[in-house]
Amino acid sequence: MSYEQDVILARDGDRDAFVRLIRHHEGSLYRVAKGMLDLEADSMDAIQEAIVKAYSSITKLREAKFIVAQEVKTVFFNF
């Protein structure tokens, strides 16, 4: 399944597609959070919060290419 298909499925409520999207970006989410926060626990909290916010707002996502920006922005502005 393609990335764009997963975005469409996730927007339509497919949790498995959302999980695939998060797994695709987990490395970049971790690098951003770890680069901004000193403590491992704070990094993990920021990532968890970003995932929850991304999931709750994915229905508003207009274009597939913006999902990473949305997640990173959430991590950045949360802490």
PDB file of N, CA and C in Angstrom:
ATOM      1  N   MET A   1       0.842  -1.177   0.000  1.00  0.00           N
ATOM      2  CA  MET A   1       0.000   0.000   0.000  1.00  0.00           C
ATOM      3  C   MET A   1       0.893   1.248   0.000  1.00  0.00           C
ATOM      4  N   SER A   2       0.514   2.253  -0.745  1.00  0.00           N
ATOM      5  CA  SER A   2       1.333   3.458  -0.840  1.00  0.00           C
ATOM      6  C   SER A   2       1.069   4.396   0.341  1.00  0.00           C
ATOM      7  N   TYR A   3       2.004   5.294   0.523  1.00  0.00           N
ATOM      8  CA  TYR A   3       1.906   6.289   1.585  1.00  0.00           C
ATOM      9  C   TYR A   3       0.632   7.125   1.425  1.00  0.00           C
ATOM     10  N   GLU A   4       0.379   7.556   0.209  1.00  0.00           N
ATOM     11  CA  GLU A   4      -0.797   8.383  -0.050  1.00  0.00           C
ATOM     12  C   GLU A   4      -2.095   7.618   0.236  1.00  0.00           C
ATOM     13  N   GLN A   5      -2.100   6.335  -0.098  1.00  0.00           N
ATOM     14  CA  GLN A   5      -3.276   5.514   0.202  1.00  0.00           C
ATOM     15  C   GLN A   5      -3.478   5.390   1.705  1.00  0.00           C
ATOM     16  N   ASP A   6      -2.375   5.234   2.445  1.00  0.00           N
ATOM     17  CA  ASP A   6      -2.483   5.163   3.896  1.00  0.00           C
ATOM     18  C   ASP A   6      -3.027   6.467   4.478  1.00  0.00           C
ATOM     19  N   VAL A   7      -2.628   7.585   3.925  1.00  0.00           N
ATOM     20  CA  VAL A   7      -3.148   8.873   4.409  1.00  0.00           C
ATOM     21  C   VAL A   7      -4.657   8.934   4.189  1.00  0.00           C
ATOM     22  N   ILE A   8      -5.094   8.549   3.011  1.00  0.00           N
ATOM     23  CA  ILE A   8      -6.532   8.571   2.711  1.00  0.00           C
ATOM     24  C   ILE A   8      -7.283   7.632   3.643  1.00  0.00           C
ATOM     25  N   LEU A   9      -6.757   6.426   3.824  1.00  0.00           N
ATOM     26  CA  LEU A   9      -7.401   5.463   4.721  1.00  0.00           C
ATOM     27  C   LEU A   9      -7.419   5.974   6.157  1.00  0.00           C
ATOM     28  N   ALA A  10      -6.305   6.553   6.604  1.00  0.00           N
ATOM     29  CA  ALA A  10      -6.243   7.087   7.972  1.00  0.00           C
ATOM     30  C   ALA A  10      -7.237   8.222   8.155  1.00  0.00           C
ATOM     31  N   ARG A  11      -7.357   9.084   7.158  1.00  0.00           N
ATOM     32  CA  ARG A  11      -8.352  10.171   7.238  1.00  0.00           C
ATOM     33  C   ARG A  11      -9.758   9.625   7.340  1.00  0.00           C
ATOM     34  N   ASP A  12      -9.977   8.445   6.757  1.00  0.00           N
ATOM     35  CA  ASP A  12     -11.297   7.816   6.796  1.00  0.00           C
ATOM     36  C   ASP A  12     -11.495   6.948   8.034  1.00  0.00           C
ATOM     37  N   GLY A  13     -10.520   6.967   8.947  1.00  0.00           N
ATOM     38  CA  GLY A  13     -10.682   6.266  10.215  1.00  0.00           C
ATOM     39  C   GLY A  13      -9.978   4.927  10.332  1.00  0.00           C
ATOM     40  N   ASP A  14      -9.156   4.560   9.370  1.00  0.00           N
ATOM     41  CA  ASP A  14      -8.438   3.279   9.417  1.00  0.00           C
ATOM     42  C   ASP A  14      -7.239   3.405  10.367  1.00  0.00           C
ATOM     43  N   ARG A  15      -7.354   2.783  11.533  1.00  0.00           N
ATOM     44  CA  ARG A  15      -6.306   2.883  12.547  1.00  0.00           C
ATOM     45  C   ARG A  15      -5.005   2.215  12.107  1.00  0.00           C
ATOM     46  N   ASP A  16      -5.114   1.097  11.401  1.00  0.00           N
ATOM     47  CA  ASP A  16      -3.910   0.407  10.932  1.00  0.00           C
ATOM     48  C   ASP A  16      -3.122   1.288   9.961  1.00  0.00           C
ATOM     49  N   ALA A  17      -3.812   2.006   9.115  1.00  0.00           N
ATOM     50  CA  ALA A  17      -3.145   2.918   8.185  1.00  0.00           C
ATOM     51  C   ALA A  17      -2.451   4.036   8.956  1.00  0.00           C
ATOM     52  N   PHE A  18      -3.093   4.535   9.987  1.00  0.00           N
ATOM     53  CA  PHE A  18      -2.484   5.586  10.810  1.00  0.00           C
ATOM     54  C   PHE A  18      -1.214   5.065  11.478  1.00  0.00           C
ATOM     55  N   VAL A  19      -1.274   3.855  12.005  1.00  0.00           N
ATOM     56  CA  VAL A  19      -0.097   3.259  12.643  1.00  0.00           C
ATOM     57  C   VAL A  19       1.042   3.132  11.630  1.00  0.00           C
ATOM     58  N   ARG A  20       0.738   2.719  10.420  1.00  0.00           N
ATOM     59  CA  ARG A  20       1.781   2.624   9.385  1.00  0.00           C
ATOM     60  C   ARG A  20       2.408   3.993   9.113  1.00  0.00           C
ATOM     61  N   LEU A  21       1.591   5.036   9.090  1.00  0.00           N
ATOM     62  CA  LEU A  21       2.119   6.391   8.874  1.00  0.00           C
ATOM     63  C   LEU A  21       3.041   6.803  10.013  1.00  0.00           C
ATOM     64  N   ILE A  22       2.634   6.542  11.242  1.00  0.00           N
ATOM     65  CA  ILE A  22       3.456   6.903  12.392  1.00  0.00           C
ATOM     66  C   ILE A  22       4.772   6.124  12.367  1.00  0.00           C
ATOM     67  N   ARG A  23       4.704   4.848  12.081  1.00  0.00           N
ATOM     68  CA  ARG A  23       5.930   4.039  12.023  1.00  0.00           C
ATOM     69  C   ARG A  23       6.864   4.540  10.935  1.00  0.00           C
ATOM     70  N   HIS A  24       6.292   5.019   9.856  1.00  0.00           N
ATOM     71  CA  HIS A  24       7.096   5.560   8.759  1.00  0.00           C
ATOM     72  C   HIS A  24       7.904   6.777   9.227  1.00  0.00           C
ATOM     73  N   HIS A  25       7.342   7.555  10.153  1.00  0.00           N
ATOM     74  CA  HIS A  25       7.964   8.819  10.576  1.00  0.00           C
ATOM     75  C   HIS A  25       8.529   8.791  11.984  1.00  0.00           C
ATOM     76  N   GLU A  26       8.513   7.652  12.655  1.00  0.00           N
ATOM     77  CA  GLU A  26       8.920   7.632  14.055  1.00  0.00           C
ATOM     78  C   GLU A  26      10.367   8.085  14.260  1.00  0.00           C
ATOM     79  N   GLY A  27      11.250   7.782  13.331  1.00  0.00           N
ATOM     80  CA  GLY A  27      12.640   8.218  13.465  1.00  0.00           C
ATOM     81  C   GLY A  27      12.775   9.726  13.445  1.00  0.00           C
ATOM     82  N   SER A  28      12.098  10.380  12.513  1.00  0.00           N
ATOM     83  CA  SER A  28      12.186  11.844  12.457  1.00  0.00           C
ATOM     84  C   SER A  28      11.509  12.490  13.652  1.00  0.00           C
ATOM     85  N   LEU A  29      10.412  11.919  14.107  1.00  0.00           N
ATOM     86  CA  LEU A  29       9.764  12.462  15.303  1.00  0.00           C
ATOM     87  C   LEU A  29      10.706  12.377  16.500  1.00  0.00           C
ATOM     88  N   TYR A  30      11.371  11.246  16.640  1.00  0.00           N
ATOM     89  CA  TYR A  30      12.296  11.075  17.760  1.00  0.00           C
ATOM     90  C   TYR A  30      13.465  12.056  17.659  1.00  0.00           C
ATOM     91  N   ARG A  31      14.039  12.204  16.469  1.00  0.00           N
ATOM     92  CA  ARG A  31      15.178  13.114  16.307  1.00  0.00           C
ATOM     93  C   ARG A  31      14.803  14.556  16.638  1.00  0.00           C
ATOM     94  N   VAL A  32      13.636  14.986  16.209  1.00  0.00           N
ATOM     95  CA  VAL A  32      13.199  16.355  16.508  1.00  0.00           C
ATOM     96  C   VAL A  32      12.995  16.525  18.009  1.00  0.00           C
ATOM     97  N   ALA A  33      12.272  15.595  18.611  1.00  0.00           N
ATOM     98  CA  ALA A  33      11.991  15.697  20.043  1.00  0.00           C
ATOM     99  C   ALA A  33      13.281  15.628  20.858  1.00  0.00           C
ATOM    100  N   LYS A  34      14.158  14.700  20.527  1.00  0.00           N
ATOM    101  CA  LYS A  34      15.409  14.531  21.280  1.00  0.00           C
ATOM    102  C   LYS A  34      16.327  15.731  21.089  1.00  0.00           C
ATOM    103  N   GLY A  35      16.291  16.327  19.917  1.00  0.00           N
ATOM    104  CA  GLY A  35      17.105  17.509  19.668  1.00  0.00           C
ATOM    105  C   GLY A  35      16.646  18.725  20.459  1.00  0.00           C
ATOM    106  N   MET A  36      15.384  18.739  20.817  1.00  0.00           N
ATOM    107  CA  MET A  36      14.833  19.884  21.541  1.00  0.00           C
ATOM    108  C   MET A  36      14.771  19.664  23.042  1.00  0.00           C
ATOM    109  N   LEU A  37      14.672  18.415  23.459  1.00  0.00           N
ATOM    110  CA  LEU A  37      14.467  18.110  24.870  1.00  0.00           C
ATOM    111  C   LEU A  37      15.612  17.252  25.387  1.00  0.00           C
ATOM    112  N   ASP A  38      16.103  17.561  26.556  1.00  0.00           N
ATOM    113  CA  ASP A  38      17.250  16.841  27.096  1.00  0.00           C
ATOM    114  C   ASP A  38      16.890  15.457  27.632  1.00  0.00           C
ATOM    115  N   LEU A  39      15.785  15.362  28.302  1.00  0.00           N
ATOM    116  CA  LEU A  39      15.422  14.103  28.957  1.00  0.00           C
ATOM    117  C   LEU A  39      14.688  13.166  28.011  1.00  0.00           C
ATOM    118  N   GLU A  40      15.058  11.897  28.058  1.00  0.00           N
ATOM    119  CA  GLU A  40      14.411  10.871  27.235  1.00  0.00           C
ATOM    120  C   GLU A  40      12.906  10.817  27.510  1.00  0.00           C
ATOM    121  N   ALA A  41      12.539  10.904  28.784  1.00  0.00           N
ATOM    122  CA  ALA A  41      11.119  10.836  29.155  1.00  0.00           C
ATOM    123  C   ALA A  41      10.342  12.007  28.551  1.00  0.00           C
ATOM    124  N   ASP A  42      10.934  13.182  28.535  1.00  0.00           N
ATOM    125  CA  ASP A  42      10.270  14.345  27.929  1.00  0.00           C
ATOM    126  C   ASP A  42      10.111  14.151  26.424  1.00  0.00           C
ATOM    127  N   SER A  43      11.115  13.572  25.784  1.00  0.00           N
ATOM    128  CA  SER A  43      11.037  13.302  24.350  1.00  0.00           C
ATOM    129  C   SER A  43       9.896  12.340  24.044  1.00  0.00           C
ATOM    130  N   MET A  44       9.812  11.278  24.829  1.00  0.00           N
ATOM    131  CA  MET A  44       8.755  10.285  24.629  1.00  0.00           C
ATOM    132  C   MET A  44       7.370  10.887  24.875  1.00  0.00           C
ATOM    133  N   ASP A  45       7.265  11.741  25.897  1.00  0.00           N
ATOM    134  CA  ASP A  45       5.987  12.421  26.170  1.00  0.00           C
ATOM    135  C   ASP A  45       5.581  13.317  25.005  1.00  0.00           C
ATOM    136  N   ALA A  46       6.556  14.044  24.451  1.00  0.00           N
ATOM    137  CA  ALA A  46       6.269  14.943  23.330  1.00  0.00           C
ATOM    138  C   ALA A  46       5.806  14.153  22.108  1.00  0.00           C
ATOM    139  N   ILE A  47       6.472  13.029  21.853  1.00  0.00           N
ATOM    140  CA  ILE A  47       6.089  12.202  20.708  1.00  0.00           C
ATOM    141  C   ILE A  47       4.694  11.631  20.903  1.00  0.00           C
ATOM    142  N   GLN A  48       4.420  11.147  22.102  1.00  0.00           N
ATOM    143  CA  GLN A  48       3.096  10.599  22.380  1.00  0.00           C
ATOM    144  C   GLN A  48       2.011  11.661  22.180  1.00  0.00           C
ATOM    145  N   GLU A  49       2.266  12.844  22.666  1.00  0.00           N
ATOM    146  CA  GLU A  49       1.301  13.939  22.503  1.00  0.00           C
ATOM    147  C   GLU A  49       1.124  14.286  21.018  1.00  0.00           C
ATOM    148  N   ALA A  50       2.217  14.277  20.272  1.00  0.00           N
ATOM    149  CA  ALA A  50       2.139  14.574  18.839  1.00  0.00           C
ATOM    150  C   ALA A  50       1.294  13.533  18.118  1.00  0.00           C
ATOM    151  N   ILE A  51       1.468  12.269  18.484  1.00  0.00           N
ATOM    152  CA  ILE A  51       0.703  11.201  17.844  1.00  0.00           C
ATOM    153  C   ILE A  51      -0.782  11.333  18.155  1.00  0.00           C
ATOM    154  N   VAL A  52      -1.104  11.626  19.402  1.00  0.00           N
ATOM    155  CA  VAL A  52      -2.512  11.799  19.787  1.00  0.00           C
ATOM    156  C   VAL A  52      -3.128  12.971  19.033  1.00  0.00           C
ATOM    157  N   LYS A  53      -2.411  14.081  18.965  1.00  0.00           N
ATOM    158  CA  LYS A  53      -2.941  15.254  18.252  1.00  0.00           C
ATOM    159  C   LYS A  53      -3.059  15.005  16.756  1.00  0.00           C
ATOM    160  N   ALA A  54      -2.069  14.308  16.195  1.00  0.00           N
ATOM    161  CA  ALA A  54      -2.129  14.000  14.765  1.00  0.00           C
ATOM    162  C   ALA A  54      -3.334  13.112  14.473  1.00  0.00           C
ATOM    163  N   TYR A  55      -3.567  12.136  15.336  1.00  0.00           N
ATOM    164  CA  TYR A  55      -4.703  11.234  15.129  1.00  0.00           C
ATOM    165  C   TYR A  55      -6.030  11.984  15.233  1.00  0.00           C
ATOM    166  N   SER A  56      -6.128  12.871  16.199  1.00  0.00           N
ATOM    167  CA  SER A  56      -7.394  13.580  16.380  1.00  0.00           C
ATOM    168  C   SER A  56      -7.647  14.628  15.303  1.00  0.00           C
ATOM    169  N   SER A  57      -6.601  15.035  14.591  1.00  0.00           N
ATOM    170  CA  SER A  57      -6.802  16.072  13.568  1.00  0.00           C
ATOM    171  C   SER A  57      -6.559  15.569  12.150  1.00  0.00           C
ATOM    172  N   ILE A  58      -6.335  14.279  11.972  1.00  0.00           N
ATOM    173  CA  ILE A  58      -5.996  13.770  10.639  1.00  0.00           C
ATOM    174  C   ILE A  58      -7.133  13.965   9.637  1.00  0.00           C
ATOM    175  N   THR A  59      -8.350  14.034  10.095  1.00  0.00           N
ATOM    176  CA  THR A  59      -9.469  14.248   9.173  1.00  0.00           C
ATOM    177  C   THR A  59      -9.403  15.630   8.522  1.00  0.00           C
ATOM    178  N   LYS A  60      -8.645  16.551   9.110  1.00  0.00           N
ATOM    179  CA  LYS A  60      -8.505  17.907   8.569  1.00  0.00           C
ATOM    180  C   LYS A  60      -7.338  18.026   7.594  1.00  0.00           C
ATOM    181  N   LEU A  61      -6.525  16.970   7.494  1.00  0.00           N
ATOM    182  CA  LEU A  61      -5.351  16.987   6.628  1.00  0.00           C
ATOM    183  C   LEU A  61      -5.772  17.061   5.166  1.00  0.00           C
ATOM    184  N   ARG A  62      -5.230  18.035   4.449  1.00  0.00           N
ATOM    185  CA  ARG A  62      -5.615  18.211   3.047  1.00  0.00           C
ATOM    186  C   ARG A  62      -4.709  17.447   2.096  1.00  0.00           C
ATOM    187  N   GLU A  63      -3.413  17.425   2.374  1.00  0.00           N
ATOM    188  CA  GLU A  63      -2.483  16.782   1.452  1.00  0.00           C
ATOM    189  C   GLU A  63      -1.569  15.832   2.208  1.00  0.00           C
ATOM    190  N   ALA A  64      -1.272  14.702   1.600  1.00  0.00           N
ATOM    191  CA  ALA A  64      -0.459  13.662   2.235  1.00  0.00           C
ATOM    192  C   ALA A  64       0.921  14.166   2.635  1.00  0.00           C
ATOM    193  N   LYS A  65       1.505  15.038   1.846  1.00  0.00           N
ATOM    194  CA  LYS A  65       2.877  15.457   2.128  1.00  0.00           C
ATOM    195  C   LYS A  65       2.987  16.287   3.400  1.00  0.00           C
ATOM    196  N   PHE A  66       1.865  16.775   3.923  1.00  0.00           N
ATOM    197  CA  PHE A  66       1.916  17.619   5.108  1.00  0.00           C
ATOM    198  C   PHE A  66       1.842  16.859   6.427  1.00  0.00           C
ATOM    199  N   ILE A  67       1.674  15.532   6.394  1.00  0.00           N
ATOM    200  CA  ILE A  67       1.527  14.800   7.650  1.00  0.00           C
ATOM    201  C   ILE A  67       2.780  14.899   8.514  1.00  0.00           C
ATOM    202  N   VAL A  68       3.959  14.860   7.925  1.00  0.00           N
ATOM    203  CA  VAL A  68       5.186  14.984   8.710  1.00  0.00           C
ATOM    204  C   VAL A  68       5.275  16.368   9.321  1.00  0.00           C
ATOM    205  N   ALA A  69       5.008  17.398   8.532  1.00  0.00           N
ATOM    206  CA  ALA A  69       5.059  18.764   9.044  1.00  0.00           C
ATOM    207  C   ALA A  69       4.079  18.942  10.193  1.00  0.00           C
ATOM    208  N   GLN A  70       2.917  18.345  10.071  1.00  0.00           N
ATOM    209  CA  GLN A  70       1.909  18.452  11.124  1.00  0.00           C
ATOM    210  C   GLN A  70       2.422  17.805  12.408  1.00  0.00           C
ATOM    211  N   GLU A  71       3.009  16.632  12.314  1.00  0.00           N
ATOM    212  CA  GLU A  71       3.500  15.933  13.505  1.00  0.00           C
ATOM    213  C   GLU A  71       4.674  16.665  14.141  1.00  0.00           C
ATOM    214  N   VAL A  72       5.627  17.108  13.333  1.00  0.00           N
ATOM    215  CA  VAL A  72       6.794  17.799  13.857  1.00  0.00           C
ATOM    216  C   VAL A  72       6.379  19.124  14.485  1.00  0.00           C
ATOM    217  N   LYS A  73       5.484  19.837  13.853  1.00  0.00           N
ATOM    218  CA  LYS A  73       4.983  21.096  14.401  1.00  0.00           C
ATOM    219  C   LYS A  73       4.334  20.845  15.763  1.00  0.00           C
ATOM    220  N   THR A  74       3.581  19.772  15.881  1.00  0.00           N
ATOM    221  CA  THR A  74       2.942  19.444  17.153  1.00  0.00           C
ATOM    222  C   THR A  74       3.989  19.193  18.230  1.00  0.00           C
ATOM    223  N   VAL A  75       5.037  18.428  17.908  1.00  0.00           N
ATOM    224  CA  VAL A  75       6.097  18.175  18.885  1.00  0.00           C
ATOM    225  C   VAL A  75       6.761  19.488  19.261  1.00  0.00           C
ATOM    226  N   PHE A  76       7.087  20.314  18.285  1.00  0.00           N
ATOM    227  CA  PHE A  76       7.815  21.553  18.523  1.00  0.00           C
ATOM    228  C   PHE A  76       7.035  22.512  19.419  1.00  0.00           C
ATOM    229  N   PHE A  77       5.758  22.666  19.163  1.00  0.00           N
ATOM    230  CA  PHE A  77       4.982  23.652  19.907  1.00  0.00           C
ATOM    231  C   PHE A  77       4.389  23.120  21.212  1.00  0.00           C
ATOM    232  N   ASN A  78       4.535  21.839  21.464  1.00  0.00           N
ATOM    233  CA  ASN A  78       4.042  21.277  22.721  1.00  0.00           C
ATOM    234  C   ASN A  78       4.972  21.525  23.885  1.00  0.00           C
ATOM    235  N   PHE A  79       6.260  21.573  23.619  1.00  0.00           N
ATOM    236  CA  PHE A  79       7.205  21.668  24.726  1.00  0.00           C
ATOM    237  C   PHE A  79       8.095  22.860  24.633  1.00  0.00           C
TER     238      PHE A  79
END
